[in-house]
Amino acid sequence: MPLMKRHKFMLVAIGFYWPVIFILTHIPLPGKLISSAGMSDKVMHFLAYLGLVSIAWFAVSPFEKVNWKKAKVWIILAAVIWYGAFDEWLQSFVGRSMDIYDFAADITAALTALLIMTFLTFWPAVLTFSTIFIFAITCLTRPNITLQNELINSAFYFLAYAFFTLVWIQSSDRIWFTKKSDSQWFASSFGVPLAALAVMTALSVAFGKEFWPMNIITASSAIIASTVVTYLTKKTVSRRC
C-alpha cells in the first residue's frame, strides 16, 4: 500500500529528529552553556521527549488517535522507555552524568504526549504541542536571555507564531461544521493566534521577562503573513479546481 503524504512527512521527521536529539544529549557541553538558557534540564528533557513520542506516533499512525487497546501504543512507549534508559547510561561515557530525574522527565513526557493524542487528532494535537513549546521557550527560559541575540530572538518569534498560525488554520478548517465566509475565516485565522500571543506575552511578563514591543511586532507580522499566504493559496487552488 503506498504511503500517504502525511505518513511520508512524519517518517522523514522522525528520521531527522531522533538522531538530532541523540547527538545533542551526547555532546559534552560545558555546564555554563546548558545553564545559560536558564531552563531546567528536566524541562529540556520533557520537551525533547514530548516531540519524540508525538512524531513517533504520527510516523506509525498519522491519521488515528492513540488507542490503548492496540499493541503499537505499548511498543512505542516501551521503545521510548528503553531508549531513555540507554540514553542516560551512554551519557556517562561523554562527560555527562546519569540522572534518574531526567529519565523520569522523559517518561512523563512520553505519557503526556500519548494522553494528548488519545483525545486529539493530528492537527489539534500538533497545535497543543506547539503551544507547550512556545510557552516553555518564552516563559521558562532565563529572563531576557533571548534579548542577548536580537536575530535569534526575532527568528524564534516569527517562526514559532507562523507555525502556530498555520497549524491553527488547518485545525479550525476541520472543526468548523459550516462553510465560513471570508470575514469569518479571517477573524478566526487572525483572532486565535493574536489571542495566544497576548496570553503568552502576559505570562512571560509574569514569569519575569521584560516586555519588548519588537516581539509583538515580529509575531504579529508572522501571523498576518501566514494567514494571507494561506488564504491566497486556498483561492488559487479553488480556482484551479
C-alpha atoms as a PDB file:
ATOM      1  CA  MET A   1       0.000   0.000   0.000  1.00  0.00           C
ATOM      2  CA  PRO A   2       1.519   3.377  -0.986  1.00  0.00           C
ATOM      3  CA  LEU A   3       2.189   5.768   1.893  1.00  0.00           C
ATOM      4  CA  MET A   4       0.084   8.894   2.238  1.00  0.00           C
ATOM      5  CA  LYS A   5       1.776  12.301   2.075  1.00  0.00           C
ATOM      6  CA  ARG A   6       1.453  12.940   5.820  1.00  0.00           C
ATOM      7  CA  HIS A   7       2.833   9.483   6.570  1.00  0.00           C
ATOM      8  CA  LYS A   8       5.903  10.118   4.427  1.00  0.00           C
ATOM      9  CA  PHE A   9       6.454  13.520   6.019  1.00  0.00           C
ATOM     10  CA  MET A  10       6.317  12.126   9.558  1.00  0.00           C
ATOM     11  CA  LEU A  11       8.703   9.296   8.686  1.00  0.00           C
ATOM     12  CA  VAL A  12      11.183  11.865   7.373  1.00  0.00           C
ATOM     13  CA  ALA A  13      10.610  13.956  10.504  1.00  0.00           C
ATOM     14  CA  ILE A  14      11.355  11.086  12.902  1.00  0.00           C
ATOM     15  CA  GLY A  15      14.383  10.126  10.808  1.00  0.00           C
ATOM     16  CA  PHE A  16      15.761  13.637  11.311  1.00  0.00           C
ATOM     17  CA  TYR A  17      14.537  14.458  14.835  1.00  0.00           C
ATOM     18  CA  TRP A  18      15.639  11.331  16.679  1.00  0.00           C
ATOM     19  CA  PRO A  19      19.312  11.434  15.565  1.00  0.00           C
ATOM     20  CA  VAL A  20      19.433  15.160  16.353  1.00  0.00           C
ATOM     21  CA  ILE A  21      18.315  14.762  19.974  1.00  0.00           C
ATOM     22  CA  PHE A  22      20.629  11.759  20.344  1.00  0.00           C
ATOM     23  CA  ILE A  23      23.598  13.847  19.208  1.00  0.00           C
ATOM     24  CA  LEU A  24      22.636  16.788  21.423  1.00  0.00           C
ATOM     25  CA  THR A  25      22.374  14.585  24.516  1.00  0.00           C
ATOM     26  CA  HIS A  26      25.796  13.075  23.889  1.00  0.00           C
ATOM     27  CA  ILE A  27      27.832  16.200  23.247  1.00  0.00           C
ATOM     28  CA  PRO A  28      29.870  17.035  26.379  1.00  0.00           C
ATOM     29  CA  LEU A  29      28.564  20.581  26.531  1.00  0.00           C
ATOM     30  CA  PRO A  30      30.008  22.774  29.261  1.00  0.00           C
ATOM     31  CA  GLY A  31      27.712  23.269  32.222  1.00  0.00           C
ATOM     32  CA  LYS A  32      27.722  27.031  31.706  1.00  0.00           C
ATOM     33  CA  LEU A  33      26.338  26.650  28.189  1.00  0.00           C
ATOM     34  CA  ILE A  34      23.473  24.464  29.397  1.00  0.00           C
ATOM     35  CA  SER A  35      22.668  26.668  32.359  1.00  0.00           C
ATOM     36  CA  SER A  36      22.875  29.910  30.327  1.00  0.00           C
ATOM     37  CA  ALA A  37      19.418  29.275  28.894  1.00  0.00           C
ATOM     38  CA  GLY A  38      18.040  29.327  32.412  1.00  0.00           C
ATOM     39  CA  MET A  39      15.673  26.472  31.591  1.00  0.00           C
ATOM     40  CA  SER A  40      15.636  23.443  33.828  1.00  0.00           C
ATOM     41  CA  ASP A  41      17.378  20.399  32.389  1.00  0.00           C
ATOM     42  CA  LYS A  42      14.231  18.448  33.283  1.00  0.00           C
ATOM     43  CA  VAL A  43      12.108  20.796  31.169  1.00  0.00           C
ATOM     44  CA  MET A  44      14.519  20.330  28.255  1.00  0.00           C
ATOM     45  CA  HIS A  45      14.193  16.549  28.575  1.00  0.00           C
ATOM     46  CA  PHE A  46      10.407  16.856  28.789  1.00  0.00           C
ATOM     47  CA  LEU A  47      10.206  18.949  25.611  1.00  0.00           C
ATOM     48  CA  ALA A  48      12.614  16.699  23.711  1.00  0.00           C
ATOM     49  CA  TYR A  49      10.687  13.523  24.526  1.00  0.00           C
ATOM     50  CA  LEU A  50       7.314  15.185  24.047  1.00  0.00           C
ATOM     51  CA  GLY A  51       8.402  15.899  20.488  1.00  0.00           C
ATOM     52  CA  LEU A  52       9.943  12.452  20.045  1.00  0.00           C
ATOM     53  CA  VAL A  53       6.872  10.490  21.115  1.00  0.00           C
ATOM     54  CA  SER A  54       4.414  12.661  19.196  1.00  0.00           C
ATOM     55  CA  ILE A  55       6.420  12.365  15.981  1.00  0.00           C
ATOM     56  CA  ALA A  56       6.936   8.625  16.551  1.00  0.00           C
ATOM     57  CA  TRP A  57       3.202   8.036  16.958  1.00  0.00           C
ATOM     58  CA  PHE A  58       2.276  10.035  13.880  1.00  0.00           C
ATOM     59  CA  ALA A  59       5.002   8.275  11.901  1.00  0.00           C
ATOM     60  CA  VAL A  60       3.329   4.975  12.773  1.00  0.00           C
ATOM     61  CA  SER A  61      -0.298   6.099  12.777  1.00  0.00           C
ATOM     62  CA  PRO A  62      -0.682   9.576  11.248  1.00  0.00           C
ATOM     63  CA  PHE A  63      -4.478   9.541  10.934  1.00  0.00           C
ATOM     64  CA  GLU A  64      -5.574   7.911  14.210  1.00  0.00           C
ATOM     65  CA  LYS A  65      -5.855   8.864  17.851  1.00  0.00           C
ATOM     66  CA  VAL A  66      -3.969   6.766  20.364  1.00  0.00           C
ATOM     67  CA  ASN A  67      -5.892   3.595  21.164  1.00  0.00           C
ATOM     68  CA  TRP A  68      -4.525   1.967  24.298  1.00  0.00           C
ATOM     69  CA  LYS A  69      -6.009  -1.384  23.274  1.00  0.00           C
ATOM     70  CA  LYS A  70      -3.626  -1.595  20.319  1.00  0.00           C
ATOM     71  CA  ALA A  71      -0.146  -3.056  20.649  1.00  0.00           C
ATOM     72  CA  LYS A  72       1.617  -0.258  18.747  1.00  0.00           C
ATOM     73  CA  VAL A  73       0.960   2.203  21.600  1.00  0.00           C
ATOM     74  CA  TRP A  74       2.717  -0.040  24.086  1.00  0.00           C
ATOM     75  CA  ILE A  75       5.512  -0.801  21.625  1.00  0.00           C
ATOM     76  CA  ILE A  76       6.222   2.919  21.190  1.00  0.00           C
ATOM     77  CA  LEU A  77       6.062   3.522  24.945  1.00  0.00           C
ATOM     78  CA  ALA A  78       8.361   0.567  25.671  1.00  0.00           C
ATOM     79  CA  ALA A  79      10.808   1.664  22.960  1.00  0.00           C
ATOM     80  CA  VAL A  80      10.981   5.181  24.394  1.00  0.00           C
ATOM     81  CA  ILE A  81      11.447   3.898  27.958  1.00  0.00           C
ATOM     82  CA  TRP A  82      14.298   1.628  26.895  1.00  0.00           C
ATOM     83  CA  TYR A  83      15.819   4.375  24.759  1.00  0.00           C
ATOM     84  CA  GLY A  84      15.580   6.880  27.621  1.00  0.00           C
ATOM     85  CA  ALA A  85      17.368   4.494  29.990  1.00  0.00           C
ATOM     86  CA  PHE A  86      20.008   3.654  27.386  1.00  0.00           C
ATOM     87  CA  ASP A  87      20.470   7.338  26.591  1.00  0.00           C
ATOM     88  CA  GLU A  88      21.104   8.200  30.239  1.00  0.00           C
ATOM     89  CA  TRP A  89      23.587   5.343  30.576  1.00  0.00           C
ATOM     90  CA  LEU A  90      25.538   6.390  27.478  1.00  0.00           C
ATOM     91  CA  GLN A  91      25.858   9.965  28.720  1.00  0.00           C
ATOM     92  CA  SER A  92      28.170   8.763  31.482  1.00  0.00           C
ATOM     93  CA  PHE A  93      30.774   7.992  28.779  1.00  0.00           C
ATOM     94  CA  VAL A  94      30.834  11.524  27.323  1.00  0.00           C
ATOM     95  CA  GLY A  95      31.414  13.532  30.458  1.00  0.00           C
ATOM     96  CA  ARG A  96      27.753  13.912  31.364  1.00  0.00           C
ATOM     97  CA  SER A  97      26.091  12.275  34.345  1.00  0.00           C
ATOM     98  CA  MET A  98      23.210   9.832  34.577  1.00  0.00           C
ATOM     99  CA  ASP A  99      20.186  11.364  36.284  1.00  0.00           C
ATOM    100  CA  ILE A 100      17.107   9.401  37.363  1.00  0.00           C
ATOM    101  CA  TYR A 101      15.118  12.637  37.354  1.00  0.00           C
ATOM    102  CA  ASP A 102      15.988  13.253  33.700  1.00  0.00           C
ATOM    103  CA  PHE A 103      14.716   9.749  32.965  1.00  0.00           C
ATOM    104  CA  ALA A 104      11.531  10.492  34.941  1.00  0.00           C
ATOM    105  CA  ALA A 105      11.029  13.641  32.847  1.00  0.00           C
ATOM    106  CA  ASP A 106      11.426  11.545  29.689  1.00  0.00           C
ATOM    107  CA  ILE A 107       8.749   9.073  30.778  1.00  0.00           C
ATOM    108  CA  THR A 108       6.422  11.843  31.947  1.00  0.00           C
ATOM    109  CA  ALA A 109       6.737  13.496  28.539  1.00  0.00           C
ATOM    110  CA  ALA A 110       6.027  10.201  26.752  1.00  0.00           C
ATOM    111  CA  LEU A 111       2.872   9.599  28.775  1.00  0.00           C
ATOM    112  CA  THR A 112       1.772  13.224  28.354  1.00  0.00           C
ATOM    113  CA  ALA A 113       2.161  13.070  24.573  1.00  0.00           C
ATOM    114  CA  LEU A 114       0.250   9.794  24.331  1.00  0.00           C
ATOM    115  CA  LEU A 115      -2.545  11.095  26.571  1.00  0.00           C
ATOM    116  CA  ILE A 116      -2.908  14.246  24.468  1.00  0.00           C
ATOM    117  CA  MET A 117      -3.102  12.141  21.302  1.00  0.00           C
ATOM    118  CA  THR A 118      -5.668   9.870  22.959  1.00  0.00           C
ATOM    119  CA  PHE A 119      -8.177  12.726  22.814  1.00  0.00           C
ATOM    120  CA  LEU A 120      -6.957  14.845  19.907  1.00  0.00           C
ATOM    121  CA  THR A 121      -6.478  14.084  16.232  1.00  0.00           C
ATOM    122  CA  PHE A 122      -3.423  15.165  14.249  1.00  0.00           C
ATOM    123  CA  TRP A 123      -3.885  18.916  13.789  1.00  0.00           C
ATOM    124  CA  PRO A 124      -5.359  19.744  17.238  1.00  0.00           C
ATOM    125  CA  ALA A 125      -2.610  17.639  18.826  1.00  0.00           C
ATOM    126  CA  VAL A 126       0.120  19.452  16.868  1.00  0.00           C
ATOM    127  CA  LEU A 127      -1.483  22.762  17.911  1.00  0.00           C
ATOM    128  CA  THR A 128      -1.352  21.674  21.565  1.00  0.00           C
ATOM    129  CA  PHE A 129       2.283  20.605  21.304  1.00  0.00           C
ATOM    130  CA  SER A 130       3.274  23.865  19.613  1.00  0.00           C
ATOM    131  CA  THR A 131       1.532  25.825  22.399  1.00  0.00           C
ATOM    132  CA  ILE A 132       3.505  23.898  25.022  1.00  0.00           C
ATOM    133  CA  PHE A 133       6.794  24.563  23.229  1.00  0.00           C
ATOM    134  CA  ILE A 134       6.093  28.287  22.779  1.00  0.00           C
ATOM    135  CA  PHE A 135       5.130  28.606  26.445  1.00  0.00           C
ATOM    136  CA  ALA A 136       8.288  26.831  27.587  1.00  0.00           C
ATOM    137  CA  ILE A 137      10.630  28.895  25.408  1.00  0.00           C
ATOM    138  CA  THR A 138       9.010  32.262  26.124  1.00  0.00           C
ATOM    139  CA  CYS A 139       8.243  31.787  29.817  1.00  0.00           C
ATOM    140  CA  LEU A 140      10.595  29.184  31.308  1.00  0.00           C
ATOM    141  CA  THR A 141      13.958  30.385  29.990  1.00  0.00           C
ATOM    142  CA  ARG A 142      16.126  32.846  31.880  1.00  0.00           C
ATOM    143  CA  PRO A 143      14.524  36.318  31.910  1.00  0.00           C
ATOM    144  CA  ASN A 144      15.509  38.238  28.778  1.00  0.00           C
ATOM    145  CA  ILE A 145      18.066  35.616  27.684  1.00  0.00           C
ATOM    146  CA  THR A 146      16.819  35.804  24.093  1.00  0.00           C
ATOM    147  CA  LEU A 147      17.325  39.552  24.022  1.00  0.00           C
ATOM    148  CA  GLN A 148      21.069  38.937  24.023  1.00  0.00           C
ATOM    149  CA  ASN A 149      20.783  37.996  20.358  1.00  0.00           C
ATOM    150  CA  GLU A 150      18.141  40.013  18.530  1.00  0.00           C
ATOM    151  CA  LEU A 151      18.413  37.942  15.348  1.00  0.00           C
ATOM    152  CA  ILE A 152      17.755  34.647  17.152  1.00  0.00           C
ATOM    153  CA  ASN A 153      15.007  36.251  19.195  1.00  0.00           C
ATOM    154  CA  SER A 154      13.220  37.642  16.131  1.00  0.00           C
ATOM    155  CA  ALA A 155      13.658  34.395  14.198  1.00  0.00           C
ATOM    156  CA  PHE A 156      12.096  32.420  17.047  1.00  0.00           C
ATOM    157  CA  TYR A 157       9.071  34.701  17.372  1.00  0.00           C
ATOM    158  CA  PHE A 158       8.472  34.798  13.637  1.00  0.00           C
ATOM    159  CA  LEU A 159       8.869  31.054  13.015  1.00  0.00           C
ATOM    160  CA  ALA A 160       7.027  29.997  16.172  1.00  0.00           C
ATOM    161  CA  TYR A 161       3.949  32.103  15.514  1.00  0.00           C
ATOM    162  CA  ALA A 162       3.958  31.432  11.778  1.00  0.00           C
ATOM    163  CA  PHE A 163       3.911  27.708  12.545  1.00  0.00           C
ATOM    164  CA  PHE A 164       1.246  28.141  15.243  1.00  0.00           C
ATOM    165  CA  THR A 165      -0.958  30.134  12.856  1.00  0.00           C
ATOM    166  CA  LEU A 166      -0.645  27.605  10.022  1.00  0.00           C
ATOM    167  CA  VAL A 167      -1.482  24.732  12.353  1.00  0.00           C
ATOM    168  CA  TRP A 168      -4.412  26.639  13.847  1.00  0.00           C
ATOM    169  CA  ILE A 169      -5.836  27.332  10.395  1.00  0.00           C
ATOM    170  CA  GLN A 170      -5.600  23.641   9.493  1.00  0.00           C
ATOM    171  CA  SER A 171      -7.288  22.713  12.770  1.00  0.00           C
ATOM    172  CA  SER A 172     -10.084  25.277  12.550  1.00  0.00           C
ATOM    173  CA  ASP A 173     -10.884  24.393   8.937  1.00  0.00           C
ATOM    174  CA  ARG A 174     -11.550  20.819  10.091  1.00  0.00           C
ATOM    175  CA  ILE A 175     -13.626  21.555  13.200  1.00  0.00           C
ATOM    176  CA  TRP A 176     -15.816  24.301  11.688  1.00  0.00           C
ATOM    177  CA  PHE A 177     -19.010  22.499  10.723  1.00  0.00           C
ATOM    178  CA  THR A 178     -20.414  25.119   8.363  1.00  0.00           C
ATOM    179  CA  LYS A 179     -18.784  26.954   5.473  1.00  0.00           C
ATOM    180  CA  LYS A 180     -17.154  30.156   6.667  1.00  0.00           C
ATOM    181  CA  SER A 181     -17.384  33.456   4.840  1.00  0.00           C
ATOM    182  CA  ASP A 182     -14.133  35.248   4.097  1.00  0.00           C
ATOM    183  CA  SER A 183     -14.680  37.629   7.017  1.00  0.00           C
ATOM    184  CA  GLN A 184     -15.345  34.735   9.421  1.00  0.00           C
ATOM    185  CA  TRP A 185     -12.304  32.884   8.116  1.00  0.00           C
ATOM    186  CA  PHE A 186     -10.026  35.889   8.596  1.00  0.00           C
ATOM    187  CA  ALA A 187     -11.491  36.648  12.044  1.00  0.00           C
ATOM    188  CA  SER A 188     -10.803  33.083  13.135  1.00  0.00           C
ATOM    189  CA  SER A 189      -7.391  32.828  11.492  1.00  0.00           C
ATOM    190  CA  PHE A 190      -6.152  36.126  12.949  1.00  0.00           C
ATOM    191  CA  GLY A 191      -8.056  36.112  16.224  1.00  0.00           C
ATOM    192  CA  VAL A 192      -6.878  32.942  17.945  1.00  0.00           C
ATOM    193  CA  PRO A 193      -3.129  33.340  17.211  1.00  0.00           C
ATOM    194  CA  LEU A 194      -3.256  37.005  18.285  1.00  0.00           C
ATOM    195  CA  ALA A 195      -5.081  35.999  21.477  1.00  0.00           C
ATOM    196  CA  ALA A 196      -2.452  33.311  22.082  1.00  0.00           C
ATOM    197  CA  LEU A 197       0.290  35.914  21.581  1.00  0.00           C
ATOM    198  CA  ALA A 198      -1.377  38.229  24.104  1.00  0.00           C
ATOM    199  CA  VAL A 199      -1.685  35.436  26.685  1.00  0.00           C
ATOM    200  CA  MET A 200       1.912  34.271  26.181  1.00  0.00           C
ATOM    201  CA  THR A 201       3.174  37.842  26.471  1.00  0.00           C
ATOM    202  CA  ALA A 202       1.279  38.368  29.718  1.00  0.00           C
ATOM    203  CA  LEU A 203       2.582  35.079  31.107  1.00  0.00           C
ATOM    204  CA  SER A 204       6.169  35.860  30.113  1.00  0.00           C
ATOM    205  CA  VAL A 205       5.964  39.181  31.973  1.00  0.00           C
ATOM    206  CA  ALA A 206       4.513  37.346  34.982  1.00  0.00           C
ATOM    207  CA  PHE A 207       7.480  34.962  34.836  1.00  0.00           C
ATOM    208  CA  GLY A 208       9.925  37.864  34.958  1.00  0.00           C
ATOM    209  CA  LYS A 209      10.572  38.625  31.304  1.00  0.00           C
ATOM    210  CA  GLU A 210      10.837  42.223  30.154  1.00  0.00           C
ATOM    211  CA  PHE A 211       8.090  43.367  27.794  1.00  0.00           C
ATOM    212  CA  TRP A 212       9.668  44.010  24.400  1.00  0.00           C
ATOM    213  CA  PRO A 213       7.397  45.543  21.726  1.00  0.00           C
ATOM    214  CA  MET A 214       9.540  44.113  18.901  1.00  0.00           C
ATOM    215  CA  ASN A 215       8.450  40.606  19.920  1.00  0.00           C
ATOM    216  CA  ILE A 216       4.815  41.603  19.450  1.00  0.00           C
ATOM    217  CA  ILE A 217       5.541  43.236  16.098  1.00  0.00           C
ATOM    218  CA  THR A 218       7.527  40.224  14.841  1.00  0.00           C
ATOM    219  CA  ALA A 219       4.971  37.655  15.978  1.00  0.00           C
ATOM    220  CA  SER A 220       2.054  39.703  14.630  1.00  0.00           C
ATOM    221  CA  SER A 221       3.806  40.011  11.274  1.00  0.00           C
ATOM    222  CA  ALA A 222       4.206  36.239  11.186  1.00  0.00           C
ATOM    223  CA  ILE A 223       0.511  35.732  11.979  1.00  0.00           C
ATOM    224  CA  ILE A 224      -0.578  38.155   9.269  1.00  0.00           C
ATOM    225  CA  ALA A 225       1.828  36.775   6.654  1.00  0.00           C
ATOM    226  CA  SER A 226       0.840  33.154   7.348  1.00  0.00           C
ATOM    227  CA  THR A 227      -2.856  33.947   7.179  1.00  0.00           C
ATOM    228  CA  VAL A 228      -2.631  35.941   3.945  1.00  0.00           C
ATOM    229  CA  VAL A 229      -0.412  33.363   2.219  1.00  0.00           C
ATOM    230  CA  THR A 230      -2.777  30.556   3.253  1.00  0.00           C
ATOM    231  CA  TYR A 231      -5.816  32.496   2.003  1.00  0.00           C
ATOM    232  CA  LEU A 232      -4.224  33.248  -1.367  1.00  0.00           C
ATOM    233  CA  THR A 233      -3.113  29.628  -1.701  1.00  0.00           C
ATOM    234  CA  LYS A 234      -6.611  28.350  -0.944  1.00  0.00           C
ATOM    235  CA  LYS A 235      -8.114  30.735  -3.505  1.00  0.00           C
ATOM    236  CA  THR A 236      -5.603  29.706  -6.168  1.00  0.00           C
ATOM    237  CA  VAL A 237      -6.296  26.010  -5.554  1.00  0.00           C
ATOM    238  CA  SER A 238     -10.077  26.523  -5.633  1.00  0.00           C
ATOM    239  CA  ARG A 239      -9.896  28.358  -8.952  1.00  0.00           C
ATOM    240  CA  ARG A 240      -7.880  25.518 -10.499  1.00  0.00           C
ATOM    241  CA  CYS A 241     -10.431  23.006  -9.275  1.00  0.00           C
END
